Amino acid sequence: MSTIITRRALIAALAAATAITTALAQDAQAPTPSAKTAPVIVFAAASLKTALDSVGTQWTATNGTRVTFSYAASGALAKQIENGAPADLFVSADLKWMDLAAAKNLIKPESRVSLLSNALVLIAPADTTATLKIEPGFKLADAIGTGKLATGDPKSVPVGSYAQAALTNLGVWDAVSPKIAGTENVRAALAFVARGEAPFGIVYRTDAHAEPSVKIVDTFPADSHPPIIYPFALTASSKNPAAAEFLAFLKTTPATKIFQAEGFTVLP
């Protein structure tokens, strides 16, 4: 019996050694990863998370190349790129931060394209009974009461800048500004309202669409603030050829259908 066990053990050991040798030979013959197979690193405005995650999943399924996303306020992302953070594609929620990136030679200007637009909305928790019509002089400050108005920090977050412009044009900024809770990005403002920690917030239409715990109270008139434009551009430091392919994919019908389903307006 011991002899049979020994022979079986020897045969098993030889088989394992053969398998290892074969695997090593295959690894030696396999091509080393190229720049094209490296993940595409995208720095994008936080409001694009839901849509871009879906687009990235579809891209990977059809192309085989992964996409890694880093979401934050556009200003924070631009500063990270300026400080040397590795990124292949920069997507801003306004023209200002893309213009600043261009001025500092952080992007490839020939790749820059404005793909999307959005709307600015006033939101409240989904179970609220509050109603407000956005118009000149509307009583937003009274409706907020002792609470806070959640939106992005007007100094560094695009949605906050749009909110300030709209409230100023409507003549209510001075009354409302002391009640503003400026957040680090638009999704943080959305979360405050969704959790009931703020009675109102100003976010993009697409953010409200992505969060069932909030509802849109009203939409700000388009002429009360600068147009909400999303410019896309390859970074000057990117050497990944797949990045240009992903940017091109964002303009295709499969991608635009996802953007539209999330509430974005696709620009011609």
Protein backbone atom coordinates (compact mmCIF):
# COMPACT_ATOMS: atom_id res chain seq x y z
CA MET A 1 0.00 0.00 0.00
CA SER A 2 2.81 2.40 0.92
CA THR A 3 4.48 1.75 -2.45
CA ILE A 4 1.27 2.63 -4.31
CA ILE A 5 0.87 5.83 -2.28
CA THR A 6 4.48 6.76 -2.98
CA ARG A 7 4.03 6.22 -6.74
CA ARG A 8 0.83 8.28 -6.74
CA ALA A 9 2.55 11.07 -4.83
CA LEU A 10 5.46 11.00 -7.30
CA ILE A 11 3.11 11.16 -10.28
CA ALA A 12 1.18 14.07 -8.69
CA ALA A 13 4.40 15.94 -7.99
CA LEU A 14 5.59 15.47 -11.58
CA ALA A 15 2.23 16.71 -12.90
CA ALA A 16 2.38 19.78 -10.69
CA ALA A 17 5.92 20.55 -11.79
CA THR A 18 4.91 20.22 -15.44
CA ALA A 19 1.96 22.59 -14.91
CA ILE A 20 4.18 25.17 -13.25
CA THR A 21 6.77 24.93 -16.03
CA THR A 22 4.07 25.35 -18.68
CA ALA A 23 2.58 28.37 -16.89
CA LEU A 24 5.99 30.02 -16.58
CA ALA A 25 6.65 29.44 -20.27
CA GLN A 26 3.31 30.98 -21.17
CA ASP A 27 4.00 33.99 -18.95
CA ALA A 28 7.37 34.46 -20.59
CA GLN A 29 5.74 34.47 -24.03
CA ALA A 30 2.86 36.77 -23.02
CA PRO A 31 3.22 40.41 -24.06
CA THR A 32 4.01 42.88 -21.33
CA PRO A 33 1.26 45.39 -20.52
CA SER A 34 1.37 48.35 -22.88
CA ALA A 35 0.26 51.93 -22.35
CA LYS A 36 -2.95 51.10 -24.21
CA THR A 37 -3.95 48.39 -21.75
CA ALA A 38 -3.27 50.64 -18.74
CA PRO A 39 -6.43 51.98 -17.09
CA VAL A 40 -7.66 55.36 -18.28
CA ILE A 41 -7.60 57.72 -15.30
CA VAL A 42 -10.41 60.28 -15.34
CA PHE A 43 -10.67 63.26 -12.99
CA ALA A 44 -14.30 64.36 -13.21
CA ALA A 45 -16.75 66.72 -11.54
CA ALA A 46 -18.72 64.97 -8.79
CA SER A 47 -22.06 65.57 -10.52
CA LEU A 48 -21.00 63.18 -13.29
CA LYS A 49 -20.47 60.17 -11.05
CA THR A 50 -23.66 58.21 -11.74
CA ALA A 51 -23.51 58.74 -15.50
CA LEU A 52 -19.77 58.26 -15.96
CA ASP A 53 -19.70 55.11 -13.84
CA SER A 54 -22.26 53.60 -16.23
CA VAL A 55 -20.43 54.82 -19.31
CA GLY A 56 -17.16 53.45 -17.97
CA THR A 57 -18.71 50.04 -17.34
CA GLN A 58 -20.01 49.92 -20.90
CA TRP A 59 -16.68 51.06 -22.33
CA THR A 60 -14.80 48.36 -20.46
CA ALA A 61 -17.28 45.69 -21.58
CA THR A 62 -16.81 46.60 -25.25
CA ASN A 63 -13.17 47.71 -25.27
CA GLY A 64 -11.55 45.68 -22.52
CA THR A 65 -9.72 48.67 -21.07
CA ARG A 66 -10.59 49.73 -17.53
CA VAL A 67 -11.43 53.27 -16.51
CA THR A 68 -10.56 54.63 -13.08
CA PHE A 69 -12.56 57.65 -11.90
CA SER A 70 -11.70 60.25 -9.30
CA TYR A 71 -14.65 62.51 -8.46
CA ALA A 72 -14.46 65.83 -6.64
CA ALA A 73 -15.14 69.52 -7.15
CA SER A 74 -13.70 70.82 -10.43
CA GLY A 75 -11.42 73.30 -8.67
CA ALA A 76 -9.96 70.63 -6.41
CA LEU A 77 -9.30 68.34 -9.37
CA ALA A 78 -7.62 71.10 -11.39
CA LYS A 79 -5.32 71.84 -8.48
CA GLN A 80 -4.48 68.15 -8.06
CA ILE A 81 -3.54 67.91 -11.74
CA GLU A 82 -1.43 71.06 -11.40
CA ASN A 83 0.37 69.44 -8.46
CA GLY A 84 1.27 66.40 -10.54
CA ALA A 85 -1.55 63.96 -9.83
CA PRO A 86 -1.69 61.35 -12.62
CA ALA A 87 -4.75 61.85 -14.82
CA ASP A 88 -5.51 61.21 -18.48
CA LEU A 89 -8.76 63.12 -18.78
CA PHE A 90 -10.11 66.18 -16.94
CA VAL A 91 -13.82 66.96 -16.86
CA SER A 92 -15.00 70.22 -15.30
CA ALA A 93 -18.53 71.28 -14.36
CA ASP A 94 -17.85 74.79 -15.63
CA LEU A 95 -15.70 76.64 -18.14
CA LYS A 96 -13.77 78.56 -15.49
CA TRP A 97 -11.68 75.69 -14.17
CA MET A 98 -11.01 74.28 -17.62
CA ASP A 99 -9.92 77.73 -18.78
CA LEU A 100 -7.54 77.96 -15.83
CA ALA A 101 -6.18 74.48 -16.61
CA ALA A 102 -5.63 75.56 -20.20
CA ALA A 103 -3.90 78.76 -19.12
CA LYS A 104 -1.47 76.69 -17.05
CA ASN A 105 -0.85 74.25 -19.94
CA LEU A 106 -2.38 71.35 -18.02
CA ILE A 107 -4.52 70.10 -20.93
CA LYS A 108 -4.11 69.32 -24.61
CA PRO A 109 -6.11 72.24 -26.08
CA GLU A 110 -6.88 70.48 -29.36
CA SER A 111 -8.72 67.74 -27.43
CA ARG A 112 -11.01 70.10 -25.51
CA VAL A 113 -14.72 69.70 -26.19
CA SER A 114 -17.90 70.78 -24.40
CA LEU A 115 -20.16 67.72 -24.36
CA LEU A 116 -22.89 68.29 -21.76
CA SER A 117 -25.15 70.83 -20.12
CA ASN A 118 -27.30 70.75 -17.00
CA ALA A 119 -29.92 72.69 -15.04
CA LEU A 120 -29.82 74.22 -11.57
CA VAL A 121 -32.56 73.17 -9.16
CA LEU A 122 -33.78 73.85 -5.64
CA ILE A 123 -34.31 70.61 -3.73
CA ALA A 124 -35.77 69.52 -0.42
CA PRO A 125 -36.13 66.18 1.39
CA ALA A 126 -38.57 63.92 -0.45
CA ASP A 127 -41.12 63.98 2.38
CA THR A 128 -41.26 67.78 2.67
CA THR A 129 -44.49 69.67 2.11
CA ALA A 130 -42.67 72.93 1.34
CA THR A 131 -43.46 74.67 -1.93
CA LEU A 132 -41.62 77.62 -3.47
CA LYS A 133 -41.73 79.26 -6.85
CA ILE A 134 -38.36 80.60 -7.94
CA GLU A 135 -38.79 84.19 -9.07
CA PRO A 136 -37.29 87.60 -8.30
CA GLY A 137 -37.43 88.28 -4.57
CA PHE A 138 -38.84 84.85 -3.65
CA LYS A 139 -38.90 84.09 0.07
CA LEU A 140 -36.19 81.45 0.21
CA ALA A 141 -34.58 82.86 3.35
CA ASP A 142 -37.90 82.71 5.20
CA ALA A 143 -38.49 79.15 4.05
CA ILE A 144 -35.04 78.07 5.28
CA GLY A 145 -35.76 79.56 8.71
CA THR A 146 -33.11 78.54 11.23
CA GLY A 147 -31.83 75.78 8.97
CA LYS A 148 -29.20 75.84 6.23
CA LEU A 149 -29.16 75.93 2.45
CA ALA A 150 -26.78 73.21 1.24
CA THR A 151 -24.82 73.86 -1.94
CA GLY A 152 -21.21 73.88 -3.05
CA ASP A 153 -18.74 76.38 -1.67
CA PRO A 154 -19.22 79.36 -4.04
CA LYS A 155 -15.47 80.08 -4.00
CA SER A 156 -14.30 76.73 -5.31
CA VAL A 157 -17.23 74.52 -6.34
CA PRO A 158 -19.03 75.27 -9.65
CA VAL A 159 -22.55 74.52 -8.36
CA GLY A 160 -21.97 77.04 -5.57
CA SER A 161 -20.84 79.64 -8.09
CA TYR A 162 -23.93 79.02 -10.22
CA ALA A 163 -26.10 79.22 -7.09
CA GLN A 164 -24.58 82.52 -6.04
CA ALA A 165 -25.08 83.98 -9.51
CA ALA A 166 -28.72 82.85 -9.63
CA LEU A 167 -29.57 84.08 -6.14
CA THR A 168 -27.86 87.39 -6.84
CA ASN A 169 -29.75 87.89 -10.10
CA LEU A 170 -33.01 87.10 -8.32
CA GLY A 171 -32.24 89.63 -5.59
CA VAL A 172 -32.12 87.23 -2.64
CA TRP A 173 -28.39 86.57 -2.18
CA ASP A 174 -27.91 89.01 0.70
CA ALA A 175 -30.75 87.42 2.68
CA VAL A 176 -29.74 83.83 1.92
CA SER A 177 -25.93 83.92 2.00
CA PRO A 178 -25.63 83.79 5.85
CA LYS A 179 -27.63 80.54 5.77
CA ILE A 180 -25.48 78.75 3.18
CA ALA A 181 -23.66 75.55 4.14
CA GLY A 182 -20.92 75.43 1.51
CA THR A 183 -19.79 71.88 0.81
CA GLU A 184 -16.70 70.43 -0.87
CA ASN A 185 -18.68 69.20 -3.88
CA VAL A 186 -22.24 68.97 -5.15
CA ARG A 187 -22.80 65.37 -4.02
CA ALA A 188 -21.97 66.39 -0.45
CA ALA A 189 -24.67 69.08 -0.64
CA LEU A 190 -27.08 66.51 -2.04
CA ALA A 191 -26.33 64.17 0.87
CA PHE A 192 -27.08 66.88 3.45
CA VAL A 193 -30.58 67.32 2.05
CA ALA A 194 -31.15 63.59 1.53
CA ARG A 195 -30.36 62.96 5.20
CA GLY A 196 -32.68 65.77 6.30
CA GLU A 197 -29.81 67.80 7.72
CA ALA A 198 -30.72 70.80 5.55
CA PRO A 199 -34.27 71.79 4.57
CA PHE A 200 -33.19 72.98 1.12
CA GLY A 201 -30.28 72.64 -1.24
CA ILE A 202 -29.17 73.86 -4.65
CA VAL A 203 -27.75 71.16 -6.89
CA TYR A 204 -27.91 70.09 -10.51
CA ARG A 205 -30.97 68.44 -12.00
CA THR A 206 -28.95 65.27 -12.57
CA ASP A 207 -28.03 65.00 -8.88
CA ALA A 208 -31.69 65.23 -7.85
CA HIS A 209 -32.45 62.58 -10.47
CA ALA A 210 -29.89 60.23 -8.89
CA GLU A 211 -31.15 60.57 -5.30
CA PRO A 212 -34.65 59.25 -4.42
CA SER A 213 -34.54 60.84 -0.96
CA VAL A 214 -34.87 64.36 -2.38
CA LYS A 215 -37.36 66.10 -4.62
CA ILE A 216 -37.10 69.10 -6.91
CA VAL A 217 -38.98 72.09 -5.51
CA ASP A 218 -38.38 74.24 -8.59
CA THR A 219 -35.86 74.88 -11.37
CA PHE A 220 -33.88 78.10 -11.60
CA PRO A 221 -34.46 80.09 -14.80
CA ALA A 222 -31.67 79.38 -17.27
CA ASP A 223 -30.99 83.10 -17.67
CA SER A 224 -30.45 83.60 -13.92
CA HIS A 225 -26.96 82.07 -14.05
CA PRO A 226 -24.21 81.33 -16.59
CA PRO A 227 -24.87 78.29 -18.79
CA ILE A 228 -23.88 75.05 -17.03
CA ILE A 229 -21.36 73.55 -19.45
CA TYR A 230 -19.14 70.48 -18.98
CA PRO A 231 -15.87 70.73 -20.94
CA PHE A 232 -13.74 67.58 -21.39
CA ALA A 233 -10.04 67.52 -22.28
CA LEU A 234 -7.05 65.21 -22.28
CA THR A 235 -4.38 66.24 -19.80
CA ALA A 236 -1.05 67.48 -21.13
CA SER A 237 0.79 64.78 -19.16
CA SER A 238 -1.24 61.82 -20.46
CA LYS A 239 0.64 59.28 -22.54
CA ASN A 240 -2.14 56.69 -22.62
CA PRO A 241 -3.53 56.30 -26.17
CA ALA A 242 -6.67 54.69 -24.76
CA ALA A 243 -7.59 58.02 -23.17
CA ALA A 244 -8.32 59.57 -26.57
CA GLU A 245 -10.36 56.50 -27.47
CA PHE A 246 -12.42 56.85 -24.30
CA LEU A 247 -12.99 60.55 -24.98
CA ALA A 248 -14.20 59.62 -28.47
CA PHE A 249 -16.51 56.98 -26.96
CA LEU A 250 -18.15 59.66 -24.80
CA LYS A 251 -19.49 61.21 -28.01
CA THR A 252 -21.08 58.01 -29.32
CA THR A 253 -24.75 57.07 -29.18
CA PRO A 254 -24.38 54.47 -26.37
CA ALA A 255 -22.72 57.06 -24.13
CA THR A 256 -25.07 59.92 -25.00
CA LYS A 257 -28.07 57.71 -24.22
CA ILE A 258 -26.70 57.18 -20.71
CA PHE A 259 -26.10 60.90 -20.21
CA GLN A 260 -29.61 61.73 -21.38
CA ALA A 261 -31.16 59.07 -19.16
CA GLU A 262 -29.44 60.70 -16.17
CA GLY A 263 -30.89 64.10 -17.06
CA PHE A 264 -28.00 65.75 -18.88
CA THR A 265 -28.47 67.72 -22.07
CA VAL A 266 -26.06 66.48 -24.75
CA LEU A 267 -24.61 69.41 -26.68
CA PRO A 268 -24.39 69.23 -30.48
